[in-house]
């Protein structure tokens, strides 16, 4: 089975565009380095990837698209435009001329206005996103799930994927948060909404990152998102290199296999590759 990494990042801090990284706490020091396609390729045997923006500037999208020329393992790019700007419709048309441009991601978790996605996007820009057959990655926390639902209802034909399962609180204290569960369930009821099984290890406190404790903490979450979305709307991602703050690439892959062990082969194949191929329209998709 060829695994598709539906969520990874490449960056060069020297470009100066990564405010969250360049001004963040000392805990981010291990990430303050060039993270390039070749670095990831050495870890995952050149498995296909979808690379997702990590800076809210147009040059970030151009940078990632330029990387695809020499790195065929990049099957898709999720970039950035300012959806609040009606002129972004023209920008989207320009980017969409590149066959590996697959969608956009505003960094909703970092915006001061929790309901930004429901109130600020320019209709012309979102209409262009939808008309061009592009996708919308939602980087959200629990407090954004209600506004995201409103956005999904306003644009019922726009394919949406929730990054990192909306980052539930994972402190080992017991059952999942009702507000997170209910907000995710309301979105999952919409067939155009998908979810990424990614970013969860870094949400765990350091005391729960051993293989057995991480499995125990994440199993209820993973079972819930499988129940809500089903394998056909759930896709796996490494979230590399952010992942390396918690574990190495191989450890997350092994833990994923253990978390999905209850599923049959077709269900695992969907989560580990086929859902991403279909959702993003990646080259070689089997539908």
Protein backbone atom coordinates (compact mmCIF):
# COMPACT_ATOMS: atom_id res chain seq x y z
CA UNK A 1 0.00 0.00 0.00
CA UNK A 2 1.43 3.40 -1.00
CA UNK A 3 0.84 5.85 1.80
CA UNK A 4 0.02 9.44 0.87
CA UNK A 5 1.03 12.10 3.37
CA UNK A 6 -1.85 14.56 3.11
CA UNK A 7 -0.27 17.17 5.38
CA UNK A 8 3.37 18.22 5.59
CA UNK A 9 5.32 21.47 5.49
CA UNK A 10 8.49 22.76 3.86
CA UNK A 11 10.08 26.06 4.82
CA UNK A 12 13.19 28.19 4.93
CA UNK A 13 13.12 30.55 7.93
CA UNK A 14 15.61 32.77 6.13
CA UNK A 15 12.82 33.87 3.82
CA UNK A 16 11.43 35.81 6.79
CA UNK A 17 7.77 34.96 6.27
CA UNK A 18 7.15 32.65 9.22
CA UNK A 19 6.16 35.02 12.00
CA UNK A 20 4.86 32.23 14.26
CA UNK A 21 8.18 30.42 13.94
CA UNK A 22 10.60 33.33 14.02
CA UNK A 23 9.02 34.99 17.07
CA UNK A 24 7.66 31.95 18.89
CA UNK A 25 8.88 30.41 22.15
CA UNK A 26 12.15 28.56 22.62
CA UNK A 27 10.27 25.26 22.34
CA UNK A 28 10.17 25.89 18.58
CA UNK A 29 13.97 26.11 18.28
CA UNK A 30 14.27 22.64 16.69
CA UNK A 31 12.07 23.86 13.83
CA UNK A 32 14.13 26.97 13.10
CA UNK A 33 15.97 25.40 10.20
CA UNK A 34 15.46 24.71 6.54
CA UNK A 35 12.99 21.83 6.16
CA UNK A 36 13.12 20.69 2.55
CA UNK A 37 11.53 17.97 0.43
CA UNK A 38 14.76 15.98 0.41
CA UNK A 39 14.79 15.85 4.20
CA UNK A 40 11.33 14.30 4.30
CA UNK A 41 12.04 12.01 1.35
CA UNK A 42 14.84 10.39 3.31
CA UNK A 43 12.35 9.56 6.06
CA UNK A 44 9.40 8.22 4.10
CA UNK A 45 11.00 6.65 1.02
CA UNK A 46 9.61 9.37 -1.27
CA UNK A 47 5.95 8.67 -0.51
CA UNK A 48 3.68 11.20 -2.25
CA UNK A 49 2.86 14.30 -0.21
CA UNK A 50 0.52 17.26 -0.10
CA UNK A 51 2.44 20.27 1.17
CA UNK A 52 0.52 22.90 3.13
CA UNK A 53 1.37 26.56 3.61
CA UNK A 54 2.95 27.78 6.83
CA UNK A 55 2.98 31.54 6.18
CA UNK A 56 0.18 33.95 5.33
CA UNK A 57 1.79 35.63 2.31
CA UNK A 58 1.34 35.02 -1.41
CA UNK A 59 5.05 34.36 -1.81
CA UNK A 60 4.58 31.24 0.34
CA UNK A 61 2.28 29.77 -2.30
CA UNK A 62 4.72 30.64 -5.09
CA UNK A 63 7.59 29.13 -3.09
CA UNK A 64 5.74 25.83 -2.61
CA UNK A 65 4.66 25.65 -6.25
CA UNK A 66 8.25 26.26 -7.33
CA UNK A 67 9.37 23.31 -5.18
CA UNK A 68 7.20 20.95 -7.20
CA UNK A 69 9.37 21.33 -10.31
CA UNK A 70 12.31 19.41 -8.84
CA UNK A 71 10.38 17.28 -6.35
CA UNK A 72 7.90 14.93 -8.03
CA UNK A 73 6.82 13.45 -4.69
CA UNK A 74 4.87 16.69 -4.14
CA UNK A 75 1.51 15.85 -5.70
CA UNK A 76 -0.37 18.84 -4.35
CA UNK A 77 0.07 22.30 -2.84
CA UNK A 78 -2.33 23.96 -0.42
CA UNK A 79 -1.40 27.63 -0.46
CA UNK A 80 -2.63 30.94 0.93
CA UNK A 81 -4.60 33.90 -0.35
CA UNK A 82 -6.44 36.60 1.55
CA UNK A 83 -10.04 35.48 1.22
CA UNK A 84 -11.21 38.81 2.64
CA UNK A 85 -9.89 40.56 -0.47
CA UNK A 86 -12.22 40.36 -3.51
CA UNK A 87 -9.13 40.70 -5.73
CA UNK A 88 -8.05 37.27 -4.50
CA UNK A 89 -10.44 35.79 -7.05
CA UNK A 90 -8.01 36.80 -9.79
CA UNK A 91 -5.08 35.46 -7.78
CA UNK A 92 -6.83 32.11 -7.40
CA UNK A 93 -7.39 31.92 -11.16
CA UNK A 94 -3.68 32.56 -11.67
CA UNK A 95 -2.56 29.92 -9.18
CA UNK A 96 -5.07 27.40 -10.52
CA UNK A 97 -3.22 27.37 -13.83
CA UNK A 98 -0.59 25.27 -12.05
CA UNK A 99 -1.72 21.63 -12.08
CA UNK A 100 -0.46 20.97 -8.55
CA UNK A 101 -2.27 23.89 -6.91
CA UNK A 102 -5.07 22.18 -5.01
CA UNK A 103 -6.48 24.66 -2.53
CA UNK A 104 -5.88 27.22 0.19
CA UNK A 105 -5.62 27.43 3.94
CA UNK A 106 -6.17 30.59 5.97
CA UNK A 107 -4.50 30.27 9.37
CA UNK A 108 -7.76 30.57 11.29
CA UNK A 109 -6.34 29.44 14.64
CA UNK A 110 -4.02 32.47 14.66
CA UNK A 111 -6.61 35.13 13.81
CA UNK A 112 -7.96 37.37 16.56
CA UNK A 113 -11.55 37.08 15.32
CA UNK A 114 -12.92 33.60 16.07
CA UNK A 115 -15.77 33.97 13.58
CA UNK A 116 -13.55 35.36 10.79
CA UNK A 117 -14.38 32.50 8.43
CA UNK A 118 -18.11 33.11 8.78
CA UNK A 119 -18.02 36.90 8.47
CA UNK A 120 -14.96 38.18 6.57
CA UNK A 121 -14.36 36.23 3.33
CA UNK A 122 -15.33 38.10 0.16
CA UNK A 123 -18.03 36.18 -1.72
CA UNK A 124 -16.18 36.70 -5.01
CA UNK A 125 -13.08 35.01 -3.64
CA UNK A 126 -14.92 32.04 -2.17
CA UNK A 127 -16.99 31.70 -5.35
CA UNK A 128 -13.77 31.54 -7.36
CA UNK A 129 -12.40 28.92 -5.00
CA UNK A 130 -15.49 26.81 -5.54
CA UNK A 131 -15.81 27.40 -9.29
CA UNK A 132 -12.17 26.41 -9.86
CA UNK A 133 -12.68 23.09 -8.11
CA UNK A 134 -10.26 23.98 -5.32
CA UNK A 135 -10.35 22.80 -1.70
CA UNK A 136 -10.38 24.54 1.65
CA UNK A 137 -8.16 23.40 4.53
CA UNK A 138 -9.47 24.55 7.91
CA UNK A 139 -6.81 25.07 10.59
CA UNK A 140 -9.16 25.41 13.54
CA UNK A 141 -9.59 24.85 17.24
CA UNK A 142 -12.76 23.90 19.10
CA UNK A 143 -13.92 27.54 19.30
CA UNK A 144 -13.90 27.83 15.50
CA UNK A 145 -16.12 24.84 14.79
CA UNK A 146 -19.39 26.79 15.01
CA UNK A 147 -18.25 29.53 12.60
CA UNK A 148 -16.78 26.90 10.28
CA UNK A 149 -20.16 25.16 10.22
CA UNK A 150 -21.77 28.44 9.18
CA UNK A 151 -19.21 28.80 6.38
CA UNK A 152 -19.84 25.23 5.22
CA UNK A 153 -23.57 25.86 5.18
CA UNK A 154 -23.11 29.07 3.18
CA UNK A 155 -20.92 27.26 0.61
CA UNK A 156 -22.41 23.76 0.45
CA UNK A 157 -20.48 22.69 -2.66
CA UNK A 158 -17.01 23.66 -1.41
CA UNK A 159 -14.87 20.67 -0.32
CA UNK A 160 -13.52 21.33 3.19
CA UNK A 161 -11.04 19.38 5.28
CA UNK A 162 -10.47 19.96 9.00
CA UNK A 163 -6.77 19.88 9.84
CA UNK A 164 -5.50 17.92 12.85
CA UNK A 165 -9.01 16.85 13.94
CA UNK A 166 -9.51 20.46 15.16
CA UNK A 167 -6.85 19.90 17.85
CA UNK A 168 -8.85 18.40 20.71
CA UNK A 169 -7.58 18.82 24.27
CA UNK A 170 -5.58 15.67 25.00
CA UNK A 171 -4.50 15.74 28.62
CA UNK A 172 -5.24 12.14 29.56
CA UNK A 173 -7.97 13.20 31.97
CA UNK A 174 -10.73 11.11 30.44
CA UNK A 175 -13.41 11.29 27.71
CA UNK A 176 -13.19 13.73 24.85
CA UNK A 177 -14.60 17.22 25.31
CA UNK A 178 -18.35 17.35 24.58
CA UNK A 179 -18.09 20.73 22.84
CA UNK A 180 -15.34 19.48 20.53
CA UNK A 181 -17.19 16.24 19.83
CA UNK A 182 -20.51 17.95 19.13
CA UNK A 183 -18.94 20.65 16.95
CA UNK A 184 -17.08 18.07 14.92
CA UNK A 185 -20.19 15.91 14.62
CA UNK A 186 -22.22 18.80 13.20
CA UNK A 187 -19.58 19.36 10.53
CA UNK A 188 -19.22 15.66 9.80
CA UNK A 189 -22.94 15.53 9.01
CA UNK A 190 -22.11 17.51 5.86
CA UNK A 191 -20.82 15.21 3.10
CA UNK A 192 -18.42 17.82 1.71
CA UNK A 193 -16.51 18.04 5.00
CA UNK A 194 -13.48 15.78 5.56
CA UNK A 195 -10.95 15.46 8.38
CA UNK A 196 -7.20 14.91 8.71
CA UNK A 197 -5.74 12.38 11.09
CA UNK A 198 -2.68 14.52 11.75
CA UNK A 199 -1.06 16.77 14.32
CA UNK A 200 -2.32 14.77 17.29
CA UNK A 201 0.98 13.69 18.82
CA UNK A 202 2.09 17.28 19.30
CA UNK A 203 -1.17 18.01 21.11
CA UNK A 204 -0.29 15.43 23.76
CA UNK A 205 1.63 16.52 26.87
CA UNK A 206 5.20 15.20 26.94
CA UNK A 207 4.26 12.74 29.69
CA UNK A 208 1.88 10.92 27.32
CA UNK A 209 4.11 10.59 24.25
CA UNK A 210 5.48 7.10 24.87
CA UNK A 211 4.02 4.58 22.37
CA UNK A 212 1.65 2.89 24.85
CA UNK A 213 0.45 6.04 26.60
CA UNK A 214 -0.01 7.86 23.29
CA UNK A 215 -2.07 4.94 21.98
CA UNK A 216 -4.29 4.99 25.05
CA UNK A 217 -4.81 8.76 24.84
CA UNK A 218 -5.43 8.89 21.09
CA UNK A 219 -7.48 5.74 20.55
CA UNK A 220 -10.81 7.28 21.73
CA UNK A 221 -10.23 10.33 19.52
CA UNK A 222 -9.33 8.31 16.45
CA UNK A 223 -12.27 5.94 16.96
CA UNK A 224 -14.59 8.92 17.23
CA UNK A 225 -13.41 10.63 14.04
CA UNK A 226 -13.60 7.31 12.18
CA UNK A 227 -17.18 6.91 13.42
CA UNK A 228 -18.10 10.48 12.45
CA UNK A 229 -16.44 10.77 9.04
CA UNK A 230 -15.84 7.17 7.98
CA UNK A 231 -12.64 6.14 6.20
CA UNK A 232 -13.83 7.68 2.93
CA UNK A 233 -13.67 11.18 4.47
CA UNK A 234 -10.64 10.73 6.72
CA UNK A 235 -7.03 11.12 5.56
CA UNK A 236 -3.65 10.65 7.22
CA UNK A 237 -0.94 13.29 7.47
CA UNK A 238 2.44 13.46 9.18
CA UNK A 239 2.44 17.19 9.98
CA UNK A 240 6.20 16.95 9.50
CA UNK A 241 8.36 18.73 10.62
CA UNK A 242 6.11 20.02 13.44
CA UNK A 243 5.72 16.34 14.30
CA UNK A 244 9.38 16.21 15.35
CA UNK A 245 8.63 18.27 18.44
CA UNK A 246 6.91 15.15 19.79
CA UNK A 247 8.29 12.11 17.92
CA UNK A 248 10.02 11.04 14.76
CA UNK A 249 8.30 10.26 11.49
CA UNK A 250 8.56 6.49 11.89
CA UNK A 251 7.02 6.58 15.37
CA UNK A 252 3.91 8.40 14.12
CA UNK A 253 3.61 5.98 11.23
CA UNK A 254 3.84 2.98 13.57
CA UNK A 255 1.36 4.50 16.02
CA UNK A 256 -1.06 5.21 13.17
CA UNK A 257 -0.90 1.58 12.06
CA UNK A 258 -1.69 0.49 15.61
CA UNK A 259 -4.58 2.96 15.91
CA UNK A 260 -6.10 1.67 12.66
CA UNK A 261 -5.52 -2.00 13.34
CA UNK A 262 -9.24 -2.67 13.96
CA UNK A 263 -10.13 -1.64 10.39
CA UNK A 264 -10.14 -3.82 7.32
CA UNK A 265 -7.63 -3.37 4.50
CA UNK A 266 -9.93 -1.25 2.32
CA UNK A 267 -10.67 1.11 5.22
CA UNK A 268 -6.99 1.48 6.10
CA UNK A 269 -6.11 2.06 2.45
CA UNK A 270 -8.68 4.84 2.27
CA UNK A 271 -7.35 6.69 5.32
CA UNK A 272 -3.70 6.17 4.39
CA UNK A 273 -3.97 7.29 0.80
CA UNK A 274 -7.10 6.95 -1.26
CA UNK A 275 -9.15 9.62 0.52
CA UNK A 276 -6.40 12.19 0.00
CA UNK A 277 -6.02 11.23 -3.66
CA UNK A 278 -9.73 11.65 -4.27
CA UNK A 279 -10.25 14.77 -2.16
CA UNK A 280 -7.33 16.70 -3.62
CA UNK A 281 -7.65 15.24 -7.12
CA UNK A 282 -4.06 14.04 -7.01
CA UNK A 283 -2.35 12.62 -10.07
CA UNK A 284 -2.86 8.88 -10.22
CA UNK A 285 -6.10 9.00 -8.20
CA UNK A 286 -8.07 5.82 -8.40
CA UNK A 287 -11.29 7.64 -7.50
